[in-house]
Amino acid sequence: DEPAGEPALDGASVAVPAGSHDISQFPQDAALSLKGDASITVDRDQTLRSISGGKALTITIESGRTLTVDNTDGHAIEIYSLTVNGPGTLIVKASRNGIYTNRDIVVTGATLSVSSVRECVYSQHGSVSLNCTADLSCSDGCAVLCRAGTVSLGGSITAVTTDDDSPCVKCGGLDGSSIYSGYIVFKEGTYDLTARVNAVDCDFGDIEITGDLKATSSEGMAIVSHKADVFGSPVTGTITVNGAKIEARGSTYGIHCGGNIVIMDSEISAYGNSYAIYAGGGFTIGARLAVLTPGTGEIKGDTVVYSGGQIAKTVEIGPPRIPGTARLIYPDDKVYVGDTVSLELTDVPSSRVIQWERSEDGWSNFEDIPGATGETYTV
């Protein structure tokens, strides 16, 4: 390795000593190897091949600047711990893990883009904190994986994994005789998470949600906090939702918790072929809750306590099949049982006949709803 500060050719391997550095000290496409805890200021656009070493690194990216770490033959960033401060952009591409650390990963104020084969953001024994704008995608791993700490998310985060065995956001688990109870926090912000299996997966721990979360699972559960009998003792977590807006669409369950679920002052839409919402313990609701159909349209808990909450099934309203221009007017962005939907008609023949129809699956076997022939219809 060539020490930082000495001339080096583009693509060289460069040793980075402890201390503060400017990105201009390193050649383009360099592979950086940390020899001590270091900080790097990015004041110009730069591309690196990789960053490695068992040391802590702080990266500060100035406004309008972009640091790209692109490794086509391994991990992009593999170090002890990583702190990234914005407001600039960090782009990470890797044929294995994007960001892989032993301890904490903290990204604040930056724009983060990670595209990897394995995990996008992975902390083995620390916590993950992303308070930023992030776009994460991987094909054979989790978008965010934290074995033994806390996952804390804030800002605007989109994450997709297409692996058939990896959740999108995962925290906690077992490691030999050690139990790691997960803890996942969605702070105020917007989140769009998509996975084949579970979108949000917390082992034996708690999930707290105060932001706007859309979680979609095509073959599993949208949001789950597992229960397990570990070494003869039951271990459960809780799911707490307060002041949030959630759409949870799962193949089996929308929201599943081995322990208690508490939903207050929120608007929730949930779908699952087994249960829309399932609580192994108690379920307390003080929110506007919609159980999407098709699906069982059911919630289940050992006890269900209503604290001024409203629960109803929602329906899909299709476009009118009528000549001229017809527009449906909704009272909200979702249609609940008890809501009234109206037609706004323009250039429609006076001889027109209105007939509202119902279909269980939304695309076949439509049947007339008796008496529903007016320009408004109450679901």
Protein backbone atom coordinates (compact mmCIF):
# COMPACT_ATOMS: atom_id res chain seq x y z
CA ASP A 1 0.00 0.00 0.00
CA GLU A 2 1.12 3.50 -0.80
CA PRO A 3 0.74 5.93 2.13
CA ALA A 4 -1.74 8.77 1.74
CA GLY A 5 -0.21 12.06 0.71
CA GLU A 6 2.35 10.57 -1.67
CA PRO A 7 1.69 10.52 -5.42
CA ALA A 8 -0.19 7.43 -6.48
CA LEU A 9 -1.60 6.24 -9.75
CA ASP A 10 -5.32 5.96 -10.33
CA GLY A 11 -6.55 2.56 -9.19
CA ALA A 12 -3.76 2.15 -6.64
CA SER A 13 -4.08 0.59 -3.19
CA VAL A 14 -3.53 3.33 -0.61
CA ALA A 15 -2.85 3.05 3.14
CA VAL A 16 -4.78 5.66 5.14
CA PRO A 17 -3.12 6.61 8.45
CA ALA A 18 -5.05 7.85 11.48
CA GLY A 19 -6.16 11.45 11.33
CA SER A 20 -8.03 13.86 9.06
CA HIS A 21 -7.77 13.77 5.28
CA ASP A 22 -9.16 15.44 2.19
CA ILE A 23 -10.46 13.21 -0.60
CA SER A 24 -8.05 14.98 -2.99
CA GLN A 25 -5.19 13.12 -1.29
CA PHE A 26 -6.36 9.89 -2.88
CA PRO A 27 -6.33 8.94 -6.57
CA GLN A 28 -9.45 8.04 -8.49
CA ASP A 29 -10.54 4.37 -8.22
CA ALA A 30 -8.21 3.79 -5.27
CA ALA A 31 -8.67 0.95 -2.79
CA LEU A 32 -8.28 2.55 0.65
CA SER A 33 -6.96 0.56 3.60
CA LEU A 34 -7.47 2.16 7.03
CA LYS A 35 -4.43 1.92 9.31
CA GLY A 36 -5.99 3.99 12.10
CA ASP A 37 -9.26 5.75 12.97
CA ALA A 38 -9.68 8.38 10.27
CA SER A 39 -11.94 11.09 8.87
CA ILE A 40 -12.23 12.10 5.23
CA THR A 41 -13.77 15.29 3.86
CA VAL A 42 -15.22 15.01 0.37
CA ASP A 43 -14.99 18.40 -1.36
CA ARG A 44 -14.88 17.09 -4.92
CA ASP A 45 -16.55 14.23 -6.78
CA GLN A 46 -14.55 11.05 -6.32
CA THR A 47 -14.76 7.33 -7.12
CA LEU A 48 -13.08 4.68 -4.99
CA ARG A 49 -12.84 0.93 -5.55
CA SER A 50 -13.20 -0.03 -1.89
CA ILE A 51 -12.60 1.01 1.72
CA SER A 52 -11.38 -1.64 4.17
CA GLY A 53 -9.67 -2.08 7.54
CA GLY A 54 -10.65 -2.74 11.15
CA LYS A 55 -10.82 0.95 12.06
CA ALA A 56 -13.48 3.65 12.47
CA LEU A 57 -14.12 6.07 9.61
CA THR A 58 -16.05 9.34 9.45
CA ILE A 59 -16.90 10.72 6.01
CA THR A 60 -18.20 14.27 5.57
CA ILE A 61 -19.56 14.99 2.09
CA GLU A 62 -20.01 18.63 1.17
CA SER A 63 -23.08 19.96 -0.60
CA GLY A 64 -23.28 19.08 -4.28
CA ARG A 65 -20.45 16.53 -4.00
CA THR A 66 -20.65 12.78 -4.59
CA LEU A 67 -18.47 9.97 -3.30
CA THR A 68 -18.88 6.69 -5.18
CA VAL A 69 -17.48 3.39 -3.88
CA ASP A 70 -17.83 0.73 -6.58
CA ASN A 71 -16.39 -2.76 -6.05
CA THR A 72 -17.20 -5.40 -8.63
CA ASP A 73 -15.21 -8.04 -6.73
CA GLY A 74 -16.26 -7.95 -3.06
CA HIS A 75 -17.52 -5.65 -0.31
CA ALA A 76 -17.49 -1.93 -1.11
CA ILE A 77 -16.97 -0.71 2.48
CA GLU A 78 -15.77 -3.23 5.11
CA ILE A 79 -14.51 -1.51 8.29
CA TYR A 80 -14.98 -1.35 12.08
CA SER A 81 -17.56 1.46 12.14
CA LEU A 82 -18.83 4.13 9.76
CA THR A 83 -20.26 7.62 10.22
CA VAL A 84 -21.41 9.59 7.17
CA ASN A 85 -22.45 13.24 7.40
CA GLY A 86 -24.18 15.11 4.58
CA PRO A 87 -25.45 17.03 2.85
CA GLY A 88 -23.70 15.41 -0.13
CA THR A 89 -24.25 12.01 -1.75
CA LEU A 90 -22.73 8.59 -1.09
CA ILE A 91 -23.20 5.97 -3.83
CA VAL A 92 -22.20 2.40 -3.01
CA LYS A 93 -22.13 -0.53 -5.44
CA ALA A 94 -20.85 -4.01 -4.59
CA SER A 95 -20.83 -7.61 -5.75
CA ARG A 96 -21.12 -8.62 -2.07
CA ASN A 97 -22.08 -6.35 0.87
CA GLY A 98 -22.40 -2.63 0.26
CA ILE A 99 -21.59 -1.31 3.77
CA TYR A 100 -20.36 -3.97 6.22
CA THR A 101 -19.15 -3.11 9.73
CA ASN A 102 -18.43 -4.74 13.05
CA ARG A 103 -19.96 -1.86 15.00
CA ASP A 104 -22.21 1.14 14.35
CA ILE A 105 -23.31 2.57 11.02
CA VAL A 106 -24.62 6.15 11.22
CA VAL A 107 -25.74 8.19 8.20
CA THR A 108 -27.06 11.69 8.88
CA GLY A 109 -28.22 14.32 6.41
CA ALA A 110 -26.71 12.69 3.35
CA THR A 111 -28.27 11.09 0.29
CA LEU A 112 -27.41 7.39 0.32
CA SER A 113 -27.73 4.98 -2.61
CA VAL A 114 -26.65 1.35 -2.18
CA SER A 115 -26.94 -1.37 -4.81
CA SER A 116 -25.43 -4.73 -3.84
CA VAL A 117 -25.78 -8.46 -4.28
CA ARG A 118 -25.68 -9.24 -0.56
CA GLU A 119 -26.69 -6.87 2.29
CA CYS A 120 -26.84 -3.16 1.50
CA VAL A 121 -26.23 -1.99 5.08
CA TYR A 122 -24.99 -4.61 7.59
CA SER A 123 -23.77 -4.18 11.17
CA GLN A 124 -22.70 -7.38 12.91
CA HIS A 125 -22.48 -6.22 16.52
CA GLY A 126 -23.53 -2.58 16.50
CA SER A 127 -26.54 -0.46 15.58
CA VAL A 128 -27.73 1.07 12.33
CA SER A 129 -29.01 4.66 12.24
CA LEU A 130 -30.13 6.10 8.91
CA ASN A 131 -31.49 9.64 9.14
CA CYS A 132 -31.27 10.55 5.51
CA THR A 133 -32.67 10.05 2.04
CA ALA A 134 -31.82 6.48 1.05
CA ASP A 135 -32.42 4.14 -1.88
CA LEU A 136 -31.36 0.55 -1.11
CA SER A 137 -31.61 -2.50 -3.37
CA CYS A 138 -30.14 -6.00 -3.22
CA SER A 139 -30.78 -9.38 -4.83
CA ASP A 140 -29.44 -11.90 -2.29
CA GLY A 141 -29.66 -10.38 1.17
CA CYS A 142 -31.32 -7.79 3.42
CA ALA A 143 -31.45 -4.11 2.61
CA VAL A 144 -30.72 -3.40 6.30
CA LEU A 145 -29.39 -6.10 8.66
CA CYS A 146 -28.46 -5.57 12.31
CA ARG A 147 -27.68 -8.65 14.40
CA ALA A 148 -27.23 -7.29 17.90
CA GLY A 149 -28.21 -3.63 18.12
CA THR A 150 -30.94 -1.20 17.15
CA VAL A 151 -32.18 -0.17 13.72
CA SER A 152 -33.28 3.47 13.83
CA LEU A 153 -34.67 4.96 10.62
CA GLY A 154 -35.68 8.49 9.77
CA GLY A 155 -36.01 10.61 6.64
CA SER A 156 -37.12 9.13 3.33
CA ILE A 157 -36.09 5.54 2.68
CA THR A 158 -36.94 3.19 -0.18
CA ALA A 159 -35.65 -0.37 0.04
CA VAL A 160 -36.15 -3.47 -2.11
CA THR A 161 -34.83 -7.01 -1.79
CA THR A 162 -35.71 -9.78 -4.24
CA ASP A 163 -34.10 -12.62 -2.26
CA ASP A 164 -36.49 -15.47 -1.42
CA ASP A 165 -35.03 -15.91 2.09
CA SER A 166 -34.10 -12.41 3.33
CA PRO A 167 -36.32 -9.71 4.88
CA CYS A 168 -35.99 -6.14 3.72
CA VAL A 169 -35.21 -4.75 7.21
CA LYS A 170 -34.03 -7.32 9.77
CA CYS A 171 -32.91 -6.94 13.41
CA GLY A 172 -32.10 -9.46 16.15
CA GLY A 173 -31.73 -13.22 16.16
CA LEU A 174 -29.85 -16.15 17.67
CA ASP A 175 -26.12 -16.72 17.57
CA GLY A 176 -25.25 -20.01 19.24
CA SER A 177 -26.28 -19.63 22.89
CA SER A 178 -26.72 -15.85 22.63
CA ILE A 179 -30.11 -14.20 22.21
CA TYR A 180 -30.19 -10.85 20.42
CA SER A 181 -33.54 -9.10 20.89
CA GLY A 182 -34.14 -6.78 17.98
CA TYR A 183 -35.36 -3.21 18.22
CA ILE A 184 -36.57 -1.35 15.12
CA VAL A 185 -37.69 2.28 15.19
CA PHE A 186 -39.35 4.13 12.32
CA LYS A 187 -39.24 7.79 13.28
CA GLU A 188 -41.14 10.56 11.51
CA GLY A 189 -40.48 10.11 7.81
CA THR A 190 -41.61 8.12 4.79
CA TYR A 191 -40.68 4.51 4.10
CA ASP A 192 -41.42 2.17 1.20
CA LEU A 193 -40.14 -1.37 1.80
CA THR A 194 -40.63 -4.33 -0.54
CA ALA A 195 -39.58 -7.96 -0.09
CA ARG A 196 -40.50 -11.46 -1.19
CA VAL A 197 -40.45 -12.65 2.42
CA ASN A 198 -41.00 -10.36 5.42
CA ALA A 199 -40.61 -6.65 4.76
CA VAL A 200 -39.94 -5.67 8.41
CA ASP A 201 -38.65 -8.52 10.59
CA CYS A 202 -37.73 -8.15 14.29
CA ASP A 203 -36.64 -11.20 16.30
CA PHE A 204 -37.92 -11.31 19.90
CA GLY A 205 -37.97 -7.52 20.19
CA ASP A 206 -39.93 -4.33 19.73
CA ILE A 207 -41.01 -2.33 16.71
CA GLU A 208 -42.01 1.32 17.11
CA ILE A 209 -43.57 3.27 14.24
CA THR A 210 -44.38 6.98 14.13
CA GLY A 211 -43.73 7.61 10.43
CA ASP A 212 -45.54 6.80 7.19
CA LEU A 213 -44.68 3.21 6.30
CA LYS A 214 -45.63 1.13 3.29
CA ALA A 215 -44.48 -2.48 3.75
CA THR A 216 -45.15 -5.10 1.08
CA SER A 217 -44.35 -8.82 1.13
CA SER A 218 -45.33 -11.03 -1.80
CA GLU A 219 -44.67 -14.34 -0.01
CA GLY A 220 -44.54 -13.59 3.73
CA MET A 221 -45.52 -11.02 6.35
CA ALA A 222 -45.38 -7.26 5.87
CA ILE A 223 -44.47 -6.40 9.49
CA VAL A 224 -43.52 -9.05 12.06
CA SER A 225 -42.12 -9.24 15.58
CA HIS A 226 -41.44 -12.92 16.27
CA LYS A 227 -42.13 -14.98 19.37
CA ALA A 228 -39.95 -17.96 20.21
CA ASP A 229 -39.26 -20.42 23.00
CA VAL A 230 -35.56 -19.88 23.58
CA PHE A 231 -33.81 -22.24 25.98
CA GLY A 232 -37.12 -23.06 27.63
CA SER A 233 -38.32 -19.46 28.06
CA PRO A 234 -40.78 -17.61 25.82
CA VAL A 235 -39.38 -14.43 24.30
CA THR A 236 -41.77 -11.93 22.71
CA GLY A 237 -41.73 -8.39 21.42
CA THR A 238 -44.31 -5.67 20.98
CA ILE A 239 -45.43 -3.50 18.08
CA THR A 240 -46.34 0.08 19.00
CA VAL A 241 -47.79 2.48 16.45
CA ASN A 242 -48.50 6.11 17.33
CA GLY A 243 -49.29 8.99 14.98
CA ALA A 244 -48.42 6.89 11.93
CA LYS A 245 -49.89 6.03 8.58
CA ILE A 246 -49.23 2.43 7.57
CA GLU A 247 -50.08 0.22 4.62
CA ALA A 248 -49.08 -3.36 5.41
CA ARG A 249 -49.69 -5.89 2.63
CA GLY A 250 -48.51 -9.41 3.30
CA SER A 251 -49.18 -12.74 1.66
CA THR A 252 -49.85 -14.47 5.01
CA TYR A 253 -50.15 -11.64 7.56
CA GLY A 254 -50.25 -7.88 7.26
CA ILE A 255 -49.01 -7.25 10.81
CA HIS A 256 -47.96 -10.15 13.07
CA CYS A 257 -46.67 -9.93 16.63
CA GLY A 258 -45.87 -12.67 19.13
CA GLY A 259 -46.70 -10.25 21.96
CA ASN A 260 -48.87 -7.15 22.24
CA ILE A 261 -49.89 -4.68 19.53
CA VAL A 262 -50.87 -1.11 20.42
CA ILE A 263 -52.09 1.24 17.66
CA MET A 264 -53.09 4.78 18.64
CA ASP A 265 -53.85 8.00 16.71
CA SER A 266 -52.93 6.38 13.40
CA GLU A 267 -54.42 5.34 10.09
CA ILE A 268 -53.71 1.71 9.24
CA SER A 269 -54.49 -0.42 6.21
CA ALA A 270 -53.65 -4.11 6.57
CA TYR A 271 -54.01 -7.17 4.35
CA GLY A 272 -53.21 -10.84 4.87
CA ASN A 273 -54.60 -14.13 3.65
CA SER A 274 -54.29 -15.62 7.16
CA TYR A 275 -54.99 -12.51 9.24
CA ALA A 276 -54.78 -8.83 8.45
CA ILE A 277 -53.48 -8.25 11.99
CA TYR A 278 -52.52 -10.93 14.51
CA ALA A 279 -51.38 -10.39 18.10
CA GLY A 280 -50.20 -13.32 20.18
CA GLY A 281 -50.98 -11.17 23.22
CA GLY A 282 -53.39 -8.28 23.51
CA PHE A 283 -54.43 -5.84 20.80
CA THR A 284 -55.32 -2.24 21.69
CA ILE A 285 -56.67 0.03 18.98
CA GLY A 286 -57.37 3.74 19.10
CA ALA A 287 -56.98 4.48 15.41
CA ARG A 288 -58.74 4.35 12.07
CA LEU A 289 -58.05 0.80 10.96
CA ALA A 290 -58.92 -0.63 7.58
CA VAL A 291 -58.73 -4.36 6.90
CA LEU A 292 -58.18 -4.63 3.17
CA THR A 293 -60.05 -7.16 1.06
CA PRO A 294 -59.65 -9.69 -0.44
CA GLY A 295 -58.13 -11.60 2.47
CA THR A 296 -59.74 -12.87 5.64
CA GLY A 297 -60.51 -9.33 6.74
CA GLU A 298 -59.91 -10.33 10.36
CA ILE A 299 -57.88 -9.27 13.35
CA LYS A 300 -56.99 -11.59 16.22
CA GLY A 301 -55.65 -11.15 19.74
CA ASP A 302 -56.06 -12.80 23.11
CA THR A 303 -57.87 -9.61 24.08
CA VAL A 304 -59.00 -6.77 21.80
CA VAL A 305 -59.53 -3.39 23.43
CA TYR A 306 -61.13 -0.52 21.51
CA SER A 307 -60.11 2.94 22.72
CA GLY A 308 -62.18 5.05 20.38
CA GLY A 309 -60.81 3.30 17.32
CA GLN A 310 -62.71 2.54 14.15
CA ILE A 311 -62.33 -0.72 12.25
CA ALA A 312 -63.79 -1.48 8.86
CA LYS A 313 -63.10 -3.27 5.63
CA THR A 314 -62.13 -1.16 2.64
CA VAL A 315 -63.20 -1.76 -0.91
CA GLU A 316 -61.69 -1.14 -4.32
CA ILE A 317 -63.75 1.18 -6.53
CA GLY A 318 -63.08 0.66 -10.24
CA PRO A 319 -63.46 3.25 -13.03
CA PRO A 320 -67.00 3.71 -14.37
CA ARG A 321 -67.91 1.87 -17.58
CA ILE A 322 -70.08 4.63 -18.96
CA PRO A 323 -69.98 6.82 -22.14
CA GLY A 324 -68.73 10.38 -21.77
CA THR A 325 -66.62 11.48 -18.86
CA ALA A 326 -67.27 10.06 -15.42
CA ARG A 327 -65.12 10.64 -12.36
CA LEU A 328 -65.40 9.06 -8.93
CA ILE A 329 -65.28 11.38 -5.94
CA TYR A 330 -63.93 9.84 -2.72
CA PRO A 331 -64.12 11.31 0.76
CA ASP A 332 -60.53 10.21 1.42
CA ASP A 333 -57.67 8.46 -0.37
CA LYS A 334 -59.17 5.15 0.78
CA VAL A 335 -62.80 4.05 0.81
CA TYR A 336 -64.07 2.68 4.12
CA VAL A 337 -67.26 0.89 4.95
CA GLY A 338 -69.76 3.63 5.69
CA ASP A 339 -68.21 6.12 3.26
CA THR A 340 -70.20 7.57 0.39
CA VAL A 341 -68.79 7.58 -3.14
CA SER A 342 -70.29 9.86 -5.78
CA LEU A 343 -70.10 10.13 -9.56
CA GLU A 344 -69.28 13.39 -11.32
CA LEU A 345 -70.76 13.09 -14.83
CA THR A 346 -69.85 15.20 -17.87
CA ASP A 347 -71.24 14.78 -21.42
CA VAL A 348 -73.08 11.66 -20.38
CA PRO A 349 -76.26 10.78 -22.35
CA SER A 350 -79.48 11.55 -20.49
CA SER A 351 -80.61 8.02 -21.31
CA ARG A 352 -77.74 6.55 -19.31
CA VAL A 353 -78.41 3.92 -16.70
CA ILE A 354 -76.28 3.72 -13.57
CA GLN A 355 -75.82 0.37 -11.89
CA TRP A 356 -73.25 -0.20 -9.16
CA GLU A 357 -71.70 -3.68 -9.20
CA ARG A 358 -69.74 -5.81 -6.76
CA SER A 359 -66.92 -8.29 -7.35
CA GLU A 360 -65.08 -10.31 -4.69
CA ASP A 361 -61.75 -10.27 -6.53
CA GLY A 362 -62.09 -6.92 -8.28
CA TRP A 363 -61.81 -8.14 -11.85
CA SER A 364 -64.34 -10.92 -12.52
CA ASN A 365 -67.85 -12.16 -11.71
CA PHE A 366 -69.42 -8.74 -11.26
CA GLU A 367 -72.94 -8.76 -9.80
CA ASP A 368 -75.47 -5.93 -9.64
CA ILE A 369 -76.00 -4.38 -6.21
CA PRO A 370 -79.78 -4.28 -5.77
CA GLY A 371 -81.12 -0.75 -5.62
CA ALA A 372 -77.74 0.89 -6.25
CA THR A 373 -78.66 2.95 -9.32
CA GLY A 374 -78.05 6.53 -8.21
CA GLU A 375 -75.13 8.90 -8.62
CA THR A 376 -73.99 8.20 -5.05
CA TYR A 377 -73.43 4.95 -3.24
CA THR A 378 -72.73 4.31 0.43
CA VAL A 379 -70.35 1.39 0.85
